[in-house]
Amino acid sequence: MTLTQLRYLIAVAHYSSLQKAANALFVSQPSLSKAISSLEDEMGISIFIRRPTGMTLTEEGYKFLSYARQVVEQADVLLAHYRHGQKIRRVFSLSSHHYAFVVNAFVTLVKEYNKDEYEFSLRETRTQEIITDVKSTRSEIGIIYLSHFNRDVVKNLLKTNDLTYRSLFVAKPHVFVCRDHPLATRSEVSLDDLSDFPRFTYDQGTNNSFYFAEELHSSVIASKSIVVTDRATLFNLLIGLKGYTIASGIMSTDLNGDQIVSVPLKSDEQMELVAIYPRDHKLSSLASRYLQILQDYVQDFVMPQMSDCSAS
């Protein structure tokens, strides 16, 4: 397996066509086809389904592609930083679910660092990719959540990958809706109240298990469902289509404006936000500081939630 083969793979997956990929790569189509076939033979898998209309990734191909991208990205980082004798300046890297409060804390950390040169990394991505990022040390820590529903499955997955976790805080479930949504002024809503509105969830790719969902009550079937990959897109759709998404209730008007509001969801579930990292690994000072900033930031949101929970 070579970097060239992996780059060829990524191009073919992007264009879904050998001819278009060959043109973009400035190589002959037979050479490209041979390189892909050799890679499949070496790995012992079928990466593509070949059809007259083009090339389609197999399920195994999707998984292999995600790893190929990581290898190529890391190789590009090495080339960019070492080609001219420079050293990598990455000082902290983080992978997380799509949480605005994670970004807020990240901004504060970067401002505190206040050096002339640095490289930070923040990836909002899928559950499985967060675990893979941390296991492969692409990211020092990952931010995910545990609930009554997913706890056993996720904890077992962490153990299998030799990862552990630190609890950060517990939040009650809420729904995010646009300010002029019919339910926006309610003191509390139920899943039945939401049944007529579109539900927005984040795509989990080929690992689209209910246990990997970023949203609580993922196993509850919604008659109207829209899957997205980007937080900004989700928030725009919340406004445009008057749908909802289930979340922690921790909003950031600095990043998201005031067009989205949070309404408590009647539920027996809760979200325990945790930081995952390799077992027996001592966190860097920046990682530890980041987690402290994150906990400080959400405190004003979480304490009232817990007080309401105790009173109810």
C-alpha atoms as a PDB file:
ATOM      1  CA  MET A   1       0.000   0.000   0.000  1.00  0.00           C
ATOM      2  CA  THR A   2       1.338   3.423  -0.957  1.00  0.00           C
ATOM      3  CA  LEU A   3       0.266   7.018  -0.414  1.00  0.00           C
ATOM      4  CA  THR A   4      -0.219   7.289  -4.168  1.00  0.00           C
ATOM      5  CA  GLN A   5      -2.721   4.432  -4.114  1.00  0.00           C
ATOM      6  CA  LEU A   6      -4.596   6.057  -1.245  1.00  0.00           C
ATOM      7  CA  ARG A   7      -4.711   9.382  -3.085  1.00  0.00           C
ATOM      8  CA  TYR A   8      -6.032   7.554  -6.151  1.00  0.00           C
ATOM      9  CA  LEU A   9      -8.677   5.868  -4.013  1.00  0.00           C
ATOM     10  CA  ILE A  10      -9.854   9.201  -2.575  1.00  0.00           C
ATOM     11  CA  ALA A  11     -10.101  10.727  -6.051  1.00  0.00           C
ATOM     12  CA  VAL A  12     -12.107   7.831  -7.485  1.00  0.00           C
ATOM     13  CA  ALA A  13     -14.468   7.941  -4.500  1.00  0.00           C
ATOM     14  CA  HIS A  14     -14.892  11.693  -5.009  1.00  0.00           C
ATOM     15  CA  TYR A  15     -15.660  11.522  -8.733  1.00  0.00           C
ATOM     16  CA  SER A  16     -17.385   8.096  -8.719  1.00  0.00           C
ATOM     17  CA  SER A  17     -15.671   7.612 -12.070  1.00  0.00           C
ATOM     18  CA  LEU A  18     -12.318   6.209 -13.153  1.00  0.00           C
ATOM     19  CA  GLN A  19     -12.169   8.466 -16.200  1.00  0.00           C
ATOM     20  CA  LYS A  20     -12.943  11.693 -14.307  1.00  0.00           C
ATOM     21  CA  ALA A  21     -10.516  10.773 -11.526  1.00  0.00           C
ATOM     22  CA  ALA A  22      -7.802   9.905 -14.054  1.00  0.00           C
ATOM     23  CA  ASN A  23      -8.271  13.275 -15.772  1.00  0.00           C
ATOM     24  CA  ALA A  24      -8.062  15.113 -12.455  1.00  0.00           C
ATOM     25  CA  LEU A  25      -4.943  13.187 -11.433  1.00  0.00           C
ATOM     26  CA  PHE A  26      -3.281  13.468 -14.862  1.00  0.00           C
ATOM     27  CA  VAL A  27      -2.781   9.717 -15.117  1.00  0.00           C
ATOM     28  CA  SER A  28      -4.078   7.168 -17.608  1.00  0.00           C
ATOM     29  CA  GLN A  29      -7.278   5.335 -16.808  1.00  0.00           C
ATOM     30  CA  PRO A  30      -5.636   1.881 -17.113  1.00  0.00           C
ATOM     31  CA  SER A  31      -2.898   2.905 -14.641  1.00  0.00           C
ATOM     32  CA  LEU A  32      -5.472   4.195 -12.196  1.00  0.00           C
ATOM     33  CA  SER A  33      -7.611   1.061 -12.521  1.00  0.00           C
ATOM     34  CA  LYS A  34      -4.578  -1.167 -11.976  1.00  0.00           C
ATOM     35  CA  ALA A  35      -3.532   0.790  -8.855  1.00  0.00           C
ATOM     36  CA  ILE A  36      -7.015   0.454  -7.325  1.00  0.00           C
ATOM     37  CA  SER A  37      -7.214  -3.258  -8.157  1.00  0.00           C
ATOM     38  CA  SER A  38      -3.758  -3.847  -6.657  1.00  0.00           C
ATOM     39  CA  LEU A  39      -4.830  -2.060  -3.475  1.00  0.00           C
ATOM     40  CA  GLU A  40      -7.960  -4.211  -3.220  1.00  0.00           C
ATOM     41  CA  ASP A  41      -5.915  -7.378  -3.748  1.00  0.00           C
ATOM     42  CA  GLU A  42      -3.388  -6.348  -1.109  1.00  0.00           C
ATOM     43  CA  MET A  43      -6.056  -5.475   1.454  1.00  0.00           C
ATOM     44  CA  GLY A  44      -8.193  -8.492   0.595  1.00  0.00           C
ATOM     45  CA  ILE A  45     -11.381  -6.437   0.208  1.00  0.00           C
ATOM     46  CA  SER A  46     -13.585  -5.009  -2.523  1.00  0.00           C
ATOM     47  CA  ILE A  47     -13.461  -1.242  -2.186  1.00  0.00           C
ATOM     48  CA  PHE A  48     -15.605  -0.368  -5.186  1.00  0.00           C
ATOM     49  CA  ILE A  49     -18.578  -1.814  -7.032  1.00  0.00           C
ATOM     50  CA  ARG A  50     -17.869  -1.298 -10.730  1.00  0.00           C
ATOM     51  CA  ARG A  51     -20.892  -0.419 -12.834  1.00  0.00           C
ATOM     52  CA  PRO A  52     -21.285   0.979 -16.366  1.00  0.00           C
ATOM     53  CA  THR A  53     -22.508   4.213 -14.759  1.00  0.00           C
ATOM     54  CA  GLY A  54     -19.486   4.585 -12.488  1.00  0.00           C
ATOM     55  CA  MET A  55     -17.729   3.449  -9.329  1.00  0.00           C
ATOM     56  CA  THR A  56     -19.614   3.032  -6.053  1.00  0.00           C
ATOM     57  CA  LEU A  57     -18.035   2.357  -2.672  1.00  0.00           C
ATOM     58  CA  THR A  58     -18.899  -0.875  -0.917  1.00  0.00           C
ATOM     59  CA  GLU A  59     -19.713  -0.817   2.799  1.00  0.00           C
ATOM     60  CA  GLU A  60     -16.167  -1.989   3.510  1.00  0.00           C
ATOM     61  CA  GLY A  61     -14.957   0.637   1.048  1.00  0.00           C
ATOM     62  CA  TYR A  62     -16.566   3.430   3.076  1.00  0.00           C
ATOM     63  CA  LYS A  63     -14.703   2.263   6.182  1.00  0.00           C
ATOM     64  CA  PHE A  64     -11.420   1.931   4.309  1.00  0.00           C
ATOM     65  CA  LEU A  65     -11.876   5.388   2.774  1.00  0.00           C
ATOM     66  CA  SER A  66     -12.188   7.014   6.208  1.00  0.00           C
ATOM     67  CA  TYR A  67      -8.891   5.482   7.297  1.00  0.00           C
ATOM     68  CA  ALA A  68      -7.264   6.375   3.960  1.00  0.00           C
ATOM     69  CA  ARG A  69      -8.244  10.023   4.404  1.00  0.00           C
ATOM     70  CA  GLN A  70      -6.666  10.091   7.858  1.00  0.00           C
ATOM     71  CA  VAL A  71      -3.413   8.623   6.564  1.00  0.00           C
ATOM     72  CA  VAL A  72      -3.220  11.064   3.656  1.00  0.00           C
ATOM     73  CA  GLU A  73      -4.123  14.046   5.846  1.00  0.00           C
ATOM     74  CA  GLN A  74      -1.414  13.164   8.339  1.00  0.00           C
ATOM     75  CA  ALA A  75       1.099  12.658   5.526  1.00  0.00           C
ATOM     76  CA  ASP A  76       0.211  16.083   4.126  1.00  0.00           C
ATOM     77  CA  VAL A  77       0.744  17.652   7.555  1.00  0.00           C
ATOM     78  CA  LEU A  78       4.166  16.030   7.799  1.00  0.00           C
ATOM     79  CA  LEU A  79       5.132  17.164   4.307  1.00  0.00           C
ATOM     80  CA  ALA A  80       3.941  20.711   4.896  1.00  0.00           C
ATOM     81  CA  HIS A  81       5.852  21.098   8.146  1.00  0.00           C
ATOM     82  CA  TYR A  82       9.025  19.165   7.429  1.00  0.00           C
ATOM     83  CA  ARG A  83       9.625  19.792   3.752  1.00  0.00           C
ATOM     84  CA  HIS A  84      11.409  23.042   4.531  1.00  0.00           C
ATOM     85  CA  GLY A  85      12.868  21.984   7.866  1.00  0.00           C
ATOM     86  CA  GLN A  86       9.956  23.316   9.922  1.00  0.00           C
ATOM     87  CA  LYS A  87       8.574  21.558  12.977  1.00  0.00           C
ATOM     88  CA  ILE A  88       4.941  20.782  13.627  1.00  0.00           C
ATOM     89  CA  ARG A  89       3.445  23.374  15.957  1.00  0.00           C
ATOM     90  CA  ARG A  90       0.228  21.572  16.836  1.00  0.00           C
ATOM     91  CA  VAL A  91      -0.235  22.087  20.547  1.00  0.00           C
ATOM     92  CA  PHE A  92      -3.737  20.708  21.123  1.00  0.00           C
ATOM     93  CA  SER A  93      -6.222  18.650  19.097  1.00  0.00           C
ATOM     94  CA  LEU A  94      -9.824  17.808  19.867  1.00  0.00           C
ATOM     95  CA  SER A  95     -12.636  15.803  18.249  1.00  0.00           C
ATOM     96  CA  SER A  96     -16.228  16.253  19.347  1.00  0.00           C
ATOM     97  CA  HIS A  97     -19.896  15.898  18.607  1.00  0.00           C
ATOM     98  CA  HIS A  98     -21.532  19.047  17.229  1.00  0.00           C
ATOM     99  CA  TYR A  99     -21.663  21.180  20.393  1.00  0.00           C
ATOM    100  CA  ALA A 100     -21.426  24.964  20.357  1.00  0.00           C
ATOM    101  CA  PHE A 101     -20.173  25.005  23.961  1.00  0.00           C
ATOM    102  CA  VAL A 102     -17.183  22.902  22.871  1.00  0.00           C
ATOM    103  CA  VAL A 103     -16.317  25.616  20.347  1.00  0.00           C
ATOM    104  CA  ASN A 104     -16.752  28.394  22.924  1.00  0.00           C
ATOM    105  CA  ALA A 105     -14.284  26.739  25.290  1.00  0.00           C
ATOM    106  CA  PHE A 106     -11.899  26.115  22.386  1.00  0.00           C
ATOM    107  CA  VAL A 107     -11.951  29.814  21.464  1.00  0.00           C
ATOM    108  CA  THR A 108     -11.118  30.769  25.046  1.00  0.00           C
ATOM    109  CA  LEU A 109      -8.214  28.306  25.144  1.00  0.00           C
ATOM    110  CA  VAL A 110      -6.680  29.621  21.920  1.00  0.00           C
ATOM    111  CA  LYS A 111      -6.953  33.209  23.156  1.00  0.00           C
ATOM    112  CA  GLU A 112      -5.284  32.245  26.427  1.00  0.00           C
ATOM    113  CA  TYR A 113      -2.419  30.532  24.589  1.00  0.00           C
ATOM    114  CA  ASN A 114      -1.563  33.835  22.896  1.00  0.00           C
ATOM    115  CA  LYS A 115       1.634  32.746  21.137  1.00  0.00           C
ATOM    116  CA  ASP A 116       3.007  33.997  17.841  1.00  0.00           C
ATOM    117  CA  GLU A 117       2.973  30.553  16.238  1.00  0.00           C
ATOM    118  CA  TYR A 118       0.808  27.501  16.925  1.00  0.00           C
ATOM    119  CA  GLU A 119      -1.466  24.887  15.397  1.00  0.00           C
ATOM    120  CA  PHE A 120      -4.683  23.813  17.096  1.00  0.00           C
ATOM    121  CA  SER A 121      -7.151  21.290  15.708  1.00  0.00           C
ATOM    122  CA  LEU A 122     -10.907  21.004  16.298  1.00  0.00           C
ATOM    123  CA  ARG A 123     -12.997  18.397  14.474  1.00  0.00           C
ATOM    124  CA  GLU A 124     -16.783  18.194  14.785  1.00  0.00           C
ATOM    125  CA  THR A 125     -17.501  14.690  13.587  1.00  0.00           C
ATOM    126  CA  ARG A 126     -19.270  11.357  14.086  1.00  0.00           C
ATOM    127  CA  THR A 127     -19.157   9.168  17.183  1.00  0.00           C
ATOM    128  CA  GLN A 128     -17.076   6.384  15.629  1.00  0.00           C
ATOM    129  CA  GLU A 129     -14.647   8.876  14.088  1.00  0.00           C
ATOM    130  CA  ILE A 130     -14.182  10.612  17.442  1.00  0.00           C
ATOM    131  CA  ILE A 131     -13.202   7.292  18.992  1.00  0.00           C
ATOM    132  CA  THR A 132     -10.905   6.517  16.052  1.00  0.00           C
ATOM    133  CA  ASP A 133      -9.303   9.974  16.244  1.00  0.00           C
ATOM    134  CA  VAL A 134      -8.474   9.549  19.924  1.00  0.00           C
ATOM    135  CA  LYS A 135      -7.288   5.965  19.557  1.00  0.00           C
ATOM    136  CA  SER A 136      -4.957   6.956  16.698  1.00  0.00           C
ATOM    137  CA  THR A 137      -3.823  10.095  18.632  1.00  0.00           C
ATOM    138  CA  ARG A 138      -5.052  12.322  15.841  1.00  0.00           C
ATOM    139  CA  SER A 139      -6.874  14.069  18.693  1.00  0.00           C
ATOM    140  CA  GLU A 140      -5.731  14.162  22.294  1.00  0.00           C
ATOM    141  CA  ILE A 141      -9.276  14.047  23.646  1.00  0.00           C
ATOM    142  CA  GLY A 142     -12.798  13.521  22.343  1.00  0.00           C
ATOM    143  CA  ILE A 143     -16.111  14.869  23.647  1.00  0.00           C
ATOM    144  CA  ILE A 144     -19.152  12.568  23.499  1.00  0.00           C
ATOM    145  CA  TYR A 145     -22.109  11.803  25.770  1.00  0.00           C
ATOM    146  CA  LEU A 146     -23.390   8.818  27.710  1.00  0.00           C
ATOM    147  CA  SER A 147     -27.040   8.103  28.470  1.00  0.00           C
ATOM    148  CA  HIS A 148     -29.037   5.279  30.042  1.00  0.00           C
ATOM    149  CA  PHE A 149     -29.642   3.998  26.511  1.00  0.00           C
ATOM    150  CA  ASN A 150     -26.129   4.026  25.035  1.00  0.00           C
ATOM    151  CA  ARG A 151     -23.931   3.743  28.133  1.00  0.00           C
ATOM    152  CA  ASP A 152     -23.163   0.013  28.096  1.00  0.00           C
ATOM    153  CA  VAL A 153     -22.494  -0.101  24.355  1.00  0.00           C
ATOM    154  CA  VAL A 154     -20.273   2.991  24.278  1.00  0.00           C
ATOM    155  CA  LYS A 155     -18.335   2.028  27.419  1.00  0.00           C
ATOM    156  CA  ASN A 156     -17.654  -1.397  25.939  1.00  0.00           C
ATOM    157  CA  LEU A 157     -16.451   0.242  22.709  1.00  0.00           C
ATOM    158  CA  LEU A 158     -14.115   2.500  24.666  1.00  0.00           C
ATOM    159  CA  LYS A 159     -12.736  -0.471  26.575  1.00  0.00           C
ATOM    160  CA  THR A 160     -12.182  -2.393  23.335  1.00  0.00           C
ATOM    161  CA  ASN A 161     -10.175   0.536  21.971  1.00  0.00           C
ATOM    162  CA  ASP A 162      -8.184   0.903  25.213  1.00  0.00           C
ATOM    163  CA  LEU A 163      -9.775   4.267  25.982  1.00  0.00           C
ATOM    164  CA  THR A 164     -11.176   5.659  29.204  1.00  0.00           C
ATOM    165  CA  TYR A 165     -13.268   8.718  30.046  1.00  0.00           C
ATOM    166  CA  ARG A 166     -13.708  11.571  32.501  1.00  0.00           C
ATOM    167  CA  SER A 167     -17.180  12.835  33.378  1.00  0.00           C
ATOM    168  CA  LEU A 168     -17.568  16.575  32.744  1.00  0.00           C
ATOM    169  CA  PHE A 169     -21.184  17.393  33.559  1.00  0.00           C
ATOM    170  CA  VAL A 170     -24.747  16.070  33.298  1.00  0.00           C
ATOM    171  CA  ALA A 171     -27.462  17.897  31.373  1.00  0.00           C
ATOM    172  CA  LYS A 172     -31.198  17.347  31.070  1.00  0.00           C
ATOM    173  CA  PRO A 173     -32.543  16.847  27.529  1.00  0.00           C
ATOM    174  CA  HIS A 174     -33.942  19.832  25.674  1.00  0.00           C
ATOM    175  CA  VAL A 175     -35.068  20.546  22.145  1.00  0.00           C
ATOM    176  CA  PHE A 176     -33.687  23.342  20.006  1.00  0.00           C
ATOM    177  CA  VAL A 177     -36.314  25.117  17.900  1.00  0.00           C
ATOM    178  CA  CYS A 178     -36.502  28.446  16.100  1.00  0.00           C
ATOM    179  CA  ARG A 179     -37.782  31.448  18.048  1.00  0.00           C
ATOM    180  CA  ASP A 180     -41.115  31.571  16.151  1.00  0.00           C
ATOM    181  CA  HIS A 181     -41.757  27.812  16.404  1.00  0.00           C
ATOM    182  CA  PRO A 182     -45.276  27.007  17.747  1.00  0.00           C
ATOM    183  CA  LEU A 183     -43.709  25.277  20.773  1.00  0.00           C
ATOM    184  CA  ALA A 184     -40.973  27.832  21.471  1.00  0.00           C
ATOM    185  CA  THR A 185     -42.787  29.454  24.403  1.00  0.00           C
ATOM    186  CA  ARG A 186     -43.758  26.217  26.132  1.00  0.00           C
ATOM    187  CA  SER A 187     -42.231  25.527  29.550  1.00  0.00           C
ATOM    188  CA  GLU A 188     -41.809  21.875  28.577  1.00  0.00           C
ATOM    189  CA  VAL A 189     -42.580  19.634  25.590  1.00  0.00           C
ATOM    190  CA  SER A 190     -43.014  15.898  25.114  1.00  0.00           C
ATOM    191  CA  LEU A 191     -42.068  13.655  22.204  1.00  0.00           C
ATOM    192  CA  ASP A 192     -45.774  13.457  21.344  1.00  0.00           C
ATOM    193  CA  ASP A 193     -45.912  17.256  21.110  1.00  0.00           C
ATOM    194  CA  LEU A 194     -43.102  17.108  18.549  1.00  0.00           C
ATOM    195  CA  SER A 195     -44.524  14.336  16.370  1.00  0.00           C
ATOM    196  CA  ASP A 196     -45.895  16.676  13.668  1.00  0.00           C
ATOM    197  CA  PHE A 197     -42.610  18.524  13.185  1.00  0.00           C
ATOM    198  CA  PRO A 198     -39.452  17.474  11.271  1.00  0.00           C
ATOM    199  CA  ARG A 199     -36.721  15.973  13.430  1.00  0.00           C
ATOM    200  CA  PHE A 200     -33.112  16.838  12.587  1.00  0.00           C
ATOM    201  CA  THR A 201     -30.284  14.461  13.428  1.00  0.00           C
ATOM    202  CA  TYR A 202     -26.581  14.232  12.588  1.00  0.00           C
ATOM    203  CA  ASP A 203     -25.440  11.628  10.089  1.00  0.00           C
ATOM    204  CA  GLN A 204     -23.347   8.804  11.559  1.00  0.00           C
ATOM    205  CA  GLY A 205     -22.263   7.296   8.237  1.00  0.00           C
ATOM    206  CA  THR A 206     -22.000   3.526   7.939  1.00  0.00           C
ATOM    207  CA  ASN A 207     -21.993   3.258  11.758  1.00  0.00           C
ATOM    208  CA  ASN A 208     -25.536   4.557  11.905  1.00  0.00           C
ATOM    209  CA  SER A 209     -26.504   2.612  15.026  1.00  0.00           C
ATOM    210  CA  PHE A 210     -29.060   4.060  17.438  1.00  0.00           C
ATOM    211  CA  TYR A 211     -26.352   3.771  20.094  1.00  0.00           C
ATOM    212  CA  PHE A 212     -24.006   6.079  18.147  1.00  0.00           C
ATOM    213  CA  ALA A 213     -26.571   8.853  17.587  1.00  0.00           C
ATOM    214  CA  GLU A 214     -25.732  12.325  18.873  1.00  0.00           C
ATOM    215  CA  GLU A 215     -29.334  12.789  19.949  1.00  0.00           C
ATOM    216  CA  LEU A 216     -31.291  11.157  22.771  1.00  0.00           C
ATOM    217  CA  HIS A 217     -34.319   8.976  21.946  1.00  0.00           C
ATOM    218  CA  SER A 218     -32.747   7.979  18.640  1.00  0.00           C
ATOM    219  CA  SER A 219     -34.755   4.727  18.565  1.00  0.00           C
ATOM    220  CA  VAL A 220     -38.057   6.621  18.538  1.00  0.00           C
ATOM    221  CA  ILE A 221     -39.289   6.675  14.953  1.00  0.00           C
ATOM    222  CA  ALA A 222     -40.057  10.128  13.536  1.00  0.00           C
ATOM    223  CA  SER A 223     -42.518  10.421  10.650  1.00  0.00           C
ATOM    224  CA  LYS A 224     -40.525  13.384   9.317  1.00  0.00           C
ATOM    225  CA  SER A 225     -36.764  13.060   9.562  1.00  0.00           C
ATOM    226  CA  ILE A 226     -33.876  15.035   8.058  1.00  0.00           C
ATOM    227  CA  VAL A 227     -30.256  13.942   8.469  1.00  0.00           C
ATOM    228  CA  VAL A 228     -27.441  16.506   8.199  1.00  0.00           C
ATOM    229  CA  THR A 229     -23.677  16.599   8.655  1.00  0.00           C
ATOM    230  CA  ASP A 230     -23.096  20.236   9.625  1.00  0.00           C
ATOM    231  CA  ARG A 231     -24.194  22.233  12.682  1.00  0.00           C
ATOM    232  CA  ALA A 232     -24.682  25.489  10.756  1.00  0.00           C
ATOM    233  CA  THR A 233     -26.857  23.667   8.216  1.00  0.00           C
ATOM    234  CA  LEU A 234     -28.928  22.118  10.989  1.00  0.00           C
ATOM    235  CA  PHE A 235     -29.538  25.497  12.611  1.00  0.00           C
ATOM    236  CA  ASN A 236     -30.514  27.060   9.273  1.00  0.00           C
ATOM    237  CA  LEU A 237     -32.978  24.243   8.678  1.00  0.00           C
ATOM    238  CA  LEU A 238     -34.416  24.646  12.182  1.00  0.00           C
ATOM    239  CA  ILE A 239     -35.310  28.192  11.222  1.00  0.00           C
ATOM    240  CA  GLY A 240     -36.461  27.466   7.673  1.00  0.00           C
ATOM    241  CA  LEU A 241     -38.517  24.329   8.307  1.00  0.00           C
ATOM    242  CA  LYS A 242     -39.610  24.818  11.918  1.00  0.00           C
ATOM    243  CA  GLY A 243     -38.289  21.457  12.990  1.00  0.00           C
ATOM    244  CA  TYR A 244     -36.451  20.420  16.132  1.00  0.00           C
ATOM    245  CA  THR A 245     -33.388  18.573  17.355  1.00  0.00           C
ATOM    246  CA  ILE A 246     -32.825  16.986  20.754  1.00  0.00           C
ATOM    247  CA  ALA A 247     -29.804  18.391  22.584  1.00  0.00           C
ATOM    248  CA  SER A 248     -28.306  19.350  25.934  1.00  0.00           C
ATOM    249  CA  GLY A 249     -30.031  22.720  26.194  1.00  0.00           C
ATOM    250  CA  ILE A 250     -26.733  24.592  26.405  1.00  0.00           C
ATOM    251  CA  MET A 251     -26.965  27.428  23.895  1.00  0.00           C
ATOM    252  CA  SER A 252     -24.391  29.941  22.721  1.00  0.00           C
ATOM    253  CA  THR A 253     -25.845  33.191  21.444  1.00  0.00           C
ATOM    254  CA  ASP A 254     -22.297  34.385  20.701  1.00  0.00           C
ATOM    255  CA  LEU A 255     -21.936  31.724  18.008  1.00  0.00           C
ATOM    256  CA  ASN A 256     -25.527  30.934  17.045  1.00  0.00           C
ATOM    257  CA  GLY A 257     -27.345  34.225  17.483  1.00  0.00           C
ATOM    258  CA  ASP A 258     -30.736  34.516  19.151  1.00  0.00           C
ATOM    259  CA  GLN A 259     -32.918  32.823  16.524  1.00  0.00           C
ATOM    260  CA  ILE A 260     -32.708  29.404  18.204  1.00  0.00           C
ATOM    261  CA  VAL A 261     -34.221  28.743  21.627  1.00  0.00           C
ATOM    262  CA  SER A 262     -34.002  25.805  24.008  1.00  0.00           C
ATOM    263  CA  VAL A 263     -37.109  24.147  25.481  1.00  0.00           C
ATOM    264  CA  PRO A 264     -36.951  21.406  28.176  1.00  0.00           C
ATOM    265  CA  LEU A 265     -37.973  17.948  26.946  1.00  0.00           C
ATOM    266  CA  LYS A 266     -40.074  15.701  29.182  1.00  0.00           C
ATOM    267  CA  SER A 267     -37.853  12.643  29.459  1.00  0.00           C
ATOM    268  CA  ASP A 268     -36.356  10.170  31.920  1.00  0.00           C
ATOM    269  CA  GLU A 269     -33.034  10.342  30.056  1.00  0.00           C
ATOM    270  CA  GLN A 270     -30.040  12.549  30.724  1.00  0.00           C
ATOM    271  CA  MET A 271     -26.826  13.418  28.909  1.00  0.00           C
ATOM    272  CA  GLU A 272     -23.554  12.874  30.714  1.00  0.00           C
ATOM    273  CA  LEU A 273     -20.908  14.708  28.704  1.00  0.00           C
ATOM    274  CA  VAL A 274     -17.545  13.002  28.951  1.00  0.00           C
ATOM    275  CA  ALA A 275     -13.992  13.495  27.683  1.00  0.00           C
ATOM    276  CA  ILE A 276     -12.423  10.345  26.255  1.00  0.00           C
ATOM    277  CA  TYR A 277      -8.677   9.699  25.995  1.00  0.00           C
ATOM    278  CA  PRO A 278      -6.253   6.743  25.902  1.00  0.00           C
ATOM    279  CA  ARG A 279      -6.093   4.643  29.043  1.00  0.00           C
ATOM    280  CA  ASP A 280      -2.991   5.310  31.202  1.00  0.00           C
ATOM    281  CA  HIS A 281      -2.407   8.558  29.307  1.00  0.00           C
ATOM    282  CA  LYS A 282      -1.625  11.730  31.215  1.00  0.00           C
ATOM    283  CA  LEU A 283      -3.391  14.699  29.659  1.00  0.00           C
ATOM    284  CA  SER A 284      -1.269  17.636  28.574  1.00  0.00           C
ATOM    285  CA  SER A 285      -1.566  20.902  30.473  1.00  0.00           C
ATOM    286  CA  LEU A 286      -3.524  22.415  27.554  1.00  0.00           C
ATOM    287  CA  ALA A 287      -5.972  19.502  27.464  1.00  0.00           C
ATOM    288  CA  SER A 288      -6.537  19.780  31.214  1.00  0.00           C
ATOM    289  CA  ARG A 289      -6.988  23.520  30.946  1.00  0.00           C
ATOM    290  CA  TYR A 290      -9.450  23.086  28.090  1.00  0.00           C
ATOM    291  CA  LEU A 291     -11.621  20.736  30.129  1.00  0.00           C
ATOM    292  CA  GLN A 292     -11.621  23.197  33.023  1.00  0.00           C
ATOM    293  CA  ILE A 293     -12.669  26.043  30.707  1.00  0.00           C
ATOM    294  CA  LEU A 294     -15.425  23.853  29.277  1.00  0.00           C
ATOM    295  CA  GLN A 295     -16.795  22.942  32.704  1.00  0.00           C
ATOM    296  CA  ASP A 296     -16.676  26.573  33.838  1.00  0.00           C
ATOM    297  CA  TYR A 297     -18.502  27.720  30.713  1.00  0.00           C
ATOM    298  CA  VAL A 298     -21.434  25.299  31.029  1.00  0.00           C
ATOM    299  CA  GLN A 299     -21.847  25.754  34.795  1.00  0.00           C
ATOM    300  CA  ASP A 300     -24.342  28.599  34.438  1.00  0.00           C
ATOM    301  CA  PHE A 301     -26.501  26.364  32.222  1.00  0.00           C
ATOM    302  CA  VAL A 302     -26.168  23.065  34.065  1.00  0.00           C
ATOM    303  CA  MET A 303     -26.798  24.233  37.644  1.00  0.00           C
ATOM    304  CA  PRO A 304     -30.312  25.574  36.956  1.00  0.00           C
ATOM    305  CA  GLN A 305     -31.127  22.351  35.078  1.00  0.00           C
ATOM    306  CA  MET A 306     -30.072  20.216  38.025  1.00  0.00           C
ATOM    307  CA  SER A 307     -31.968  22.469  40.464  1.00  0.00           C
ATOM    308  CA  ASP A 308     -35.118  22.045  38.404  1.00  0.00           C
ATOM    309  CA  CYS A 309     -34.517  18.291  38.350  1.00  0.00           C
ATOM    310  CA  SER A 310     -34.204  18.138  42.160  1.00  0.00           C
ATOM    311  CA  ALA A 311     -37.348  20.170  42.660  1.00  0.00           C
ATOM    312  CA  SER A 312     -39.491  18.097  40.306  1.00  0.00           C
END
